[in-house]
Amino acid sequence: MSELRWQKSSFSEGGAANCLELATDPTGRPHLRESDTPSSVIVTTPAALGDLLRAVADSEIEAVRR
């Protein structure tokens, strides 16, 4: 498998390891991980990721802050 190119969230705090990172593989499947646990990766579909993002944007799911 080719190396994934991870992008950090625009909401990340500088160099802190506390943000969501996203990459896509050559087939277009999204991969998600938290920067403080980079070995734990969630692979999903574009449709499922879109549903999650819409639910968060519509406040159906509340963001948890530490």
PDB file of N, CA and C in Angstrom:
ATOM      1  N   MET A   1       0.846  -1.184   0.000  1.00  0.00           N
ATOM      2  CA  MET A   1       0.000   0.000   0.000  1.00  0.00           C
ATOM      3  C   MET A   1       0.885   1.239   0.000  1.00  0.00           C
ATOM      4  N   SER A   2       0.459   2.231  -0.732  1.00  0.00           N
ATOM      5  CA  SER A   2       1.244   3.458  -0.802  1.00  0.00           C
ATOM      6  C   SER A   2       1.131   4.247   0.500  1.00  0.00           C
ATOM      7  N   GLU A   3       2.091   5.095   0.704  1.00  0.00           N
ATOM      8  CA  GLU A   3       2.116   5.966   1.885  1.00  0.00           C
ATOM      9  C   GLU A   3       0.959   6.954   1.811  1.00  0.00           C
ATOM     10  N   LEU A   4       0.227   7.090   2.927  1.00  0.00           N
ATOM     11  CA  LEU A   4      -0.868   8.056   2.974  1.00  0.00           C
ATOM     12  C   LEU A   4      -0.326   9.440   3.290  1.00  0.00           C
ATOM     13  N   ARG A   5      -0.934  10.451   2.704  1.00  0.00           N
ATOM     14  CA  ARG A   5      -0.563  11.847   2.981  1.00  0.00           C
ATOM     15  C   ARG A   5      -1.610  12.424   3.920  1.00  0.00           C
ATOM     16  N   TRP A   6      -1.235  12.563   5.194  1.00  0.00           N
ATOM     17  CA  TRP A   6      -2.163  13.008   6.230  1.00  0.00           C
ATOM     18  C   TRP A   6      -2.257  14.527   6.261  1.00  0.00           C
ATOM     19  N   GLN A   7      -3.477  15.026   6.444  1.00  0.00           N
ATOM     20  CA  GLN A   7      -3.714  16.458   6.613  1.00  0.00           C
ATOM     21  C   GLN A   7      -4.317  16.679   7.985  1.00  0.00           C
ATOM     22  N   LYS A   8      -3.801  17.682   8.694  1.00  0.00           N
ATOM     23  CA  LYS A   8      -4.344  18.014  10.008  1.00  0.00           C
ATOM     24  C   LYS A   8      -5.543  18.932   9.872  1.00  0.00           C
ATOM     25  N   SER A   9      -6.397  18.854  10.837  1.00  0.00           N
ATOM     26  CA  SER A   9      -7.548  19.741  10.895  1.00  0.00           C
ATOM     27  C   SER A   9      -7.101  21.184  11.010  1.00  0.00           C
ATOM     28  N   SER A  10      -7.864  22.068  10.416  1.00  0.00           N
ATOM     29  CA  SER A  10      -7.549  23.501  10.531  1.00  0.00           C
ATOM     30  C   SER A  10      -7.786  24.002  11.947  1.00  0.00           C
ATOM     31  N   PHE A  11      -8.432  23.206  12.785  1.00  0.00           N
ATOM     32  CA  PHE A  11      -8.677  23.584  14.173  1.00  0.00           C
ATOM     33  C   PHE A  11      -7.578  23.105  15.113  1.00  0.00           C
ATOM     34  N   SER A  12      -6.522  22.469  14.586  1.00  0.00           N
ATOM     35  CA  SER A  12      -5.452  21.975  15.447  1.00  0.00           C
ATOM     36  C   SER A  12      -4.698  23.137  16.077  1.00  0.00           C
ATOM     37  N   GLU A  13      -4.100  22.871  17.205  1.00  0.00           N
ATOM     38  CA  GLU A  13      -3.392  23.905  17.968  1.00  0.00           C
ATOM     39  C   GLU A  13      -1.896  23.845  17.702  1.00  0.00           C
ATOM     40  N   GLY A  14      -1.462  24.471  16.644  1.00  0.00           N
ATOM     41  CA  GLY A  14      -0.033  24.529  16.346  1.00  0.00           C
ATOM     42  C   GLY A  14       0.583  23.155  16.222  1.00  0.00           C
ATOM     43  N   GLY A  15       1.633  22.898  16.997  1.00  0.00           N
ATOM     44  CA  GLY A  15       2.329  21.625  16.956  1.00  0.00           C
ATOM     45  C   GLY A  15       1.799  20.611  17.946  1.00  0.00           C
ATOM     46  N   ALA A  16       0.693  20.931  18.628  1.00  0.00           N
ATOM     47  CA  ALA A  16       0.147  20.008  19.625  1.00  0.00           C
ATOM     48  C   ALA A  16      -0.377  18.743  18.951  1.00  0.00           C
ATOM     49  N   ALA A  17      -0.277  17.644  19.680  1.00  0.00           N
ATOM     50  CA  ALA A  17      -0.737  16.357  19.153  1.00  0.00           C
ATOM     51  C   ALA A  17      -2.161  16.083  19.640  1.00  0.00           C
ATOM     52  N   ASN A  18      -3.092  16.927  19.255  1.00  0.00           N
ATOM     53  CA  ASN A  18      -4.464  16.752  19.721  1.00  0.00           C
ATOM     54  C   ASN A  18      -5.477  17.088  18.631  1.00  0.00           C
ATOM     55  N   CYS A  19      -5.244  16.601  17.452  1.00  0.00           N
ATOM     56  CA  CYS A  19      -6.165  16.960  16.376  1.00  0.00           C
ATOM     57  C   CYS A  19      -6.476  15.763  15.496  1.00  0.00           C
ATOM     58  N   LEU A  20      -7.510  15.924  14.714  1.00  0.00           N
ATOM     59  CA  LEU A  20      -7.925  14.920  13.756  1.00  0.00           C
ATOM     60  C   LEU A  20      -7.116  15.081  12.482  1.00  0.00           C
ATOM     61  N   GLU A  21      -6.709  13.958  11.914  1.00  0.00           N
ATOM     62  CA  GLU A  21      -5.995  13.962  10.642  1.00  0.00           C
ATOM     63  C   GLU A  21      -6.770  13.102   9.648  1.00  0.00           C
ATOM     64  N   LEU A  22      -6.742  13.499   8.397  1.00  0.00           N
ATOM     65  CA  LEU A  22      -7.487  12.822   7.350  1.00  0.00           C
ATOM     66  C   LEU A  22      -6.564  12.532   6.168  1.00  0.00           C
ATOM     67  N   ALA A  23      -6.743  11.363   5.583  1.00  0.00           N
ATOM     68  CA  ALA A  23      -6.020  10.996   4.358  1.00  0.00           C
ATOM     69  C   ALA A  23      -6.966  10.166   3.505  1.00  0.00           C
ATOM     70  N   THR A  24      -6.706  10.115   2.217  1.00  0.00           N
ATOM     71  CA  THR A  24      -7.452   9.205   1.350  1.00  0.00           C
ATOM     72  C   THR A  24      -6.469   8.276   0.654  1.00  0.00           C
ATOM     73  N   ASP A  25      -6.911   7.045   0.446  1.00  0.00           N
ATOM     74  CA  ASP A  25      -6.053   6.093  -0.256  1.00  0.00           C
ATOM     75  C   ASP A  25      -6.330   6.190  -1.761  1.00  0.00           C
ATOM     76  N   PRO A  26      -5.583   5.462  -2.566  1.00  0.00           N
ATOM     77  CA  PRO A  26      -5.765   5.562  -4.024  1.00  0.00           C
ATOM     78  C   PRO A  26      -7.180   5.210  -4.505  1.00  0.00           C
ATOM     79  N   THR A  27      -7.945   4.464  -3.710  1.00  0.00           N
ATOM     80  CA  THR A  27      -9.314   4.120  -4.102  1.00  0.00           C
ATOM     81  C   THR A  27     -10.321   5.178  -3.677  1.00  0.00           C
ATOM     82  N   GLY A  28      -9.866   6.196  -2.926  1.00  0.00           N
ATOM     83  CA  GLY A  28     -10.751   7.266  -2.473  1.00  0.00           C
ATOM     84  C   GLY A  28     -11.356   7.054  -1.104  1.00  0.00           C
ATOM     85  N   ARG A  29     -10.999   5.959  -0.430  1.00  0.00           N
ATOM     86  CA  ARG A  29     -11.533   5.719   0.919  1.00  0.00           C
ATOM     87  C   ARG A  29     -10.867   6.654   1.918  1.00  0.00           C
ATOM     88  N   PRO A  30     -11.659   7.343   2.752  1.00  0.00           N
ATOM     89  CA  PRO A  30     -11.095   8.211   3.778  1.00  0.00           C
ATOM     90  C   PRO A  30     -10.523   7.397   4.948  1.00  0.00           C
ATOM     91  N   HIS A  31      -9.412   7.882   5.462  1.00  0.00           N
ATOM     92  CA  HIS A  31      -8.770   7.319   6.646  1.00  0.00           C
ATOM     93  C   HIS A  31      -8.702   8.442   7.677  1.00  0.00           C
ATOM     94  N   LEU A  32      -9.101   8.148   8.908  1.00  0.00           N
ATOM     95  CA  LEU A  32      -9.102   9.135   9.984  1.00  0.00           C
ATOM     96  C   LEU A  32      -8.256   8.634  11.137  1.00  0.00           C
ATOM     97  N   ARG A  33      -7.572   9.559  11.794  1.00  0.00           N
ATOM     98  CA  ARG A  33      -6.815   9.208  13.000  1.00  0.00           C
ATOM     99  C   ARG A  33      -6.662  10.445  13.869  1.00  0.00           C
ATOM    100  N   GLU A  34      -6.374  10.215  15.134  1.00  0.00           N
ATOM    101  CA  GLU A  34      -6.036  11.300  16.039  1.00  0.00           C
ATOM    102  C   GLU A  34      -4.520  11.406  16.061  1.00  0.00           C
ATOM    103  N   SER A  35      -4.002  12.613  16.038  1.00  0.00           N
ATOM    104  CA  SER A  35      -2.557  12.775  15.931  1.00  0.00           C
ATOM    105  C   SER A  35      -1.804  12.229  17.138  1.00  0.00           C
ATOM    106  N   ASP A  36      -2.463  12.143  18.306  1.00  0.00           N
ATOM    107  CA  ASP A  36      -1.753  11.605  19.475  1.00  0.00           C
ATOM    108  C   ASP A  36      -1.763  10.073  19.509  1.00  0.00           C
ATOM    109  N   THR A  37      -2.549   9.428  18.634  1.00  0.00           N
ATOM    110  CA  THR A  37      -2.534   7.962  18.496  1.00  0.00           C
ATOM    111  C   THR A  37      -2.526   7.597  17.010  1.00  0.00           C
ATOM    112  N   PRO A  38      -1.437   7.895  16.315  1.00  0.00           N
ATOM    113  CA  PRO A  38      -1.410   7.717  14.865  1.00  0.00           C
ATOM    114  C   PRO A  38      -1.502   6.270  14.388  1.00  0.00           C
ATOM    115  N   SER A  39      -1.285   5.302  15.260  1.00  0.00           N
ATOM    116  CA  SER A  39      -1.376   3.908  14.812  1.00  0.00           C
ATOM    117  C   SER A  39      -2.822   3.407  14.787  1.00  0.00           C
ATOM    118  N   SER A  40      -3.747   4.138  15.403  1.00  0.00           N
ATOM    119  CA  SER A  40      -5.167   3.773  15.377  1.00  0.00           C
ATOM    120  C   SER A  40      -5.845   4.540  14.252  1.00  0.00           C
ATOM    121  N   VAL A  41      -6.205   3.825  13.206  1.00  0.00           N
ATOM    122  CA  VAL A  41      -6.769   4.448  12.007  1.00  0.00           C
ATOM    123  C   VAL A  41      -8.156   3.868  11.745  1.00  0.00           C
ATOM    124  N   ILE A  42      -9.099   4.736  11.438  1.00  0.00           N
ATOM    125  CA  ILE A  42     -10.438   4.330  11.035  1.00  0.00           C
ATOM    126  C   ILE A  42     -10.526   4.508   9.519  1.00  0.00           C
ATOM    127  N   VAL A  43     -10.955   3.462   8.829  1.00  0.00           N
ATOM    128  CA  VAL A  43     -11.160   3.531   7.380  1.00  0.00           C
ATOM    129  C   VAL A  43     -12.667   3.468   7.159  1.00  0.00           C
ATOM    130  N   THR A  44     -13.182   4.383   6.369  1.00  0.00           N
ATOM    131  CA  THR A  44     -14.616   4.454   6.145  1.00  0.00           C
ATOM    132  C   THR A  44     -14.899   4.690   4.662  1.00  0.00           C
ATOM    133  N   THR A  45     -16.113   5.051   4.368  1.00  0.00           N
ATOM    134  CA  THR A  45     -16.493   5.377   2.990  1.00  0.00           C
ATOM    135  C   THR A  45     -16.743   6.878   2.893  1.00  0.00           C
ATOM    136  N   PRO A  46     -16.633   7.448   1.710  1.00  0.00           N
ATOM    137  CA  PRO A  46     -16.945   8.872   1.565  1.00  0.00           C
ATOM    138  C   PRO A  46     -18.373   9.201   2.021  1.00  0.00           C
ATOM    139  N   ALA A  47     -19.332   8.322   1.725  1.00  0.00           N
ATOM    140  CA  ALA A  47     -20.725   8.578   2.114  1.00  0.00           C
ATOM    141  C   ALA A  47     -20.889   8.583   3.631  1.00  0.00           C
ATOM    142  N   ALA A  48     -20.280   7.626   4.321  1.00  0.00           N
ATOM    143  CA  ALA A  48     -20.390   7.568   5.776  1.00  0.00           C
ATOM    144  C   ALA A  48     -19.710   8.767   6.427  1.00  0.00           C
ATOM    145  N   LEU A  49     -18.564   9.169   5.913  1.00  0.00           N
ATOM    146  CA  LEU A  49     -17.880  10.339   6.454  1.00  0.00           C
ATOM    147  C   LEU A  49     -18.731  11.587   6.226  1.00  0.00           C
ATOM    148  N   GLY A  50     -19.336  11.711   5.059  1.00  0.00           N
ATOM    149  CA  GLY A  50     -20.219  12.834   4.776  1.00  0.00           C
ATOM    150  C   GLY A  50     -21.404  12.876   5.727  1.00  0.00           C
ATOM    151  N   ASP A  51     -21.997  11.711   6.008  1.00  0.00           N
ATOM    152  CA  ASP A  51     -23.111  11.642   6.956  1.00  0.00           C
ATOM    153  C   ASP A  51     -22.678  12.100   8.347  1.00  0.00           C
ATOM    154  N   LEU A  52     -21.504  11.646   8.786  1.00  0.00           N
ATOM    155  CA  LEU A  52     -20.990  12.058  10.092  1.00  0.00           C
ATOM    156  C   LEU A  52     -20.774  13.566  10.151  1.00  0.00           C
ATOM    157  N   LEU A  53     -20.144  14.115   9.138  1.00  0.00           N
ATOM    158  CA  LEU A  53     -19.868  15.555   9.128  1.00  0.00           C
ATOM    159  C   LEU A  53     -21.159  16.373   9.102  1.00  0.00           C
ATOM    160  N   ARG A  54     -22.157  15.918   8.342  1.00  0.00           N
ATOM    161  CA  ARG A  54     -23.451  16.621   8.325  1.00  0.00           C
ATOM    162  C   ARG A  54     -24.121  16.552   9.688  1.00  0.00           C
ATOM    163  N   ALA A  55     -24.054  15.397  10.356  1.00  0.00           N
ATOM    164  CA  ALA A  55     -24.663  15.248  11.680  1.00  0.00           C
ATOM    165  C   ALA A  55     -23.997  16.170  12.692  1.00  0.00           C
ATOM    166  N   VAL A  56     -22.677  16.273  12.633  1.00  0.00           N
ATOM    167  CA  VAL A  56     -21.957  17.169  13.545  1.00  0.00           C
ATOM    168  C   VAL A  56     -22.320  18.616  13.239  1.00  0.00           C
ATOM    169  N   ALA A  57     -22.332  18.981  11.961  1.00  0.00           N
ATOM    170  CA  ALA A  57     -22.661  20.356  11.570  1.00  0.00           C
ATOM    171  C   ALA A  57     -24.094  20.723  11.954  1.00  0.00           C
ATOM    172  N   ASP A  58     -24.994  19.744  11.918  1.00  0.00           N
ATOM    173  CA  ASP A  58     -26.386  19.993  12.268  1.00  0.00           C
ATOM    174  C   ASP A  58     -26.626  19.869  13.770  1.00  0.00           C
ATOM    175  N   SER A  59     -25.561  19.715  14.545  1.00  0.00           N
ATOM    176  CA  SER A  59     -25.613  19.589  16.006  1.00  0.00           C
ATOM    177  C   SER A  59     -26.373  18.352  16.485  1.00  0.00           C
ATOM    178  N   GLU A  60     -26.474  17.341  15.642  1.00  0.00           N
ATOM    179  CA  GLU A  60     -27.063  16.087  16.070  1.00  0.00           C
ATOM    180  C   GLU A  60     -26.104  15.345  16.979  1.00  0.00           C
ATOM    181  N   ILE A  61     -24.835  15.633  16.829  1.00  0.00           N
ATOM    182  CA  ILE A  61     -23.790  15.042  17.658  1.00  0.00           C
ATOM    183  C   ILE A  61     -23.009  16.199  18.257  1.00  0.00           C
ATOM    184  N   GLU A  62     -22.889  16.216  19.576  1.00  0.00           N
ATOM    185  CA  GLU A  62     -22.156  17.298  20.231  1.00  0.00           C
ATOM    186  C   GLU A  62     -20.672  16.953  20.304  1.00  0.00           C
ATOM    187  N   ALA A  63     -19.846  17.926  20.050  1.00  0.00           N
ATOM    188  CA  ALA A  63     -18.405  17.745  20.180  1.00  0.00           C
ATOM    189  C   ALA A  63     -18.054  17.690  21.661  1.00  0.00           C
ATOM    190  N   VAL A  64     -17.142  16.810  21.999  1.00  0.00           N
ATOM    191  CA  VAL A  64     -16.687  16.668  23.373  1.00  0.00           C
ATOM    192  C   VAL A  64     -15.385  17.433  23.528  1.00  0.00           C
ATOM    193  N   ARG A  65     -15.326  18.299  24.486  1.00  0.00           N
ATOM    194  CA  ARG A  65     -14.099  19.053  24.761  1.00  0.00           C
ATOM    195  C   ARG A  65     -13.491  18.550  26.057  1.00  0.00           C
ATOM    196  N   ARG A  66     -12.173  18.469  26.064  1.00  0.00           N
ATOM    197  CA  ARG A  66     -11.480  18.002  27.273  1.00  0.00           C
ATOM    198  C   ARG A  66     -11.263  19.145  28.217  1.00  0.00           C
TER     199      ARG A  66
END
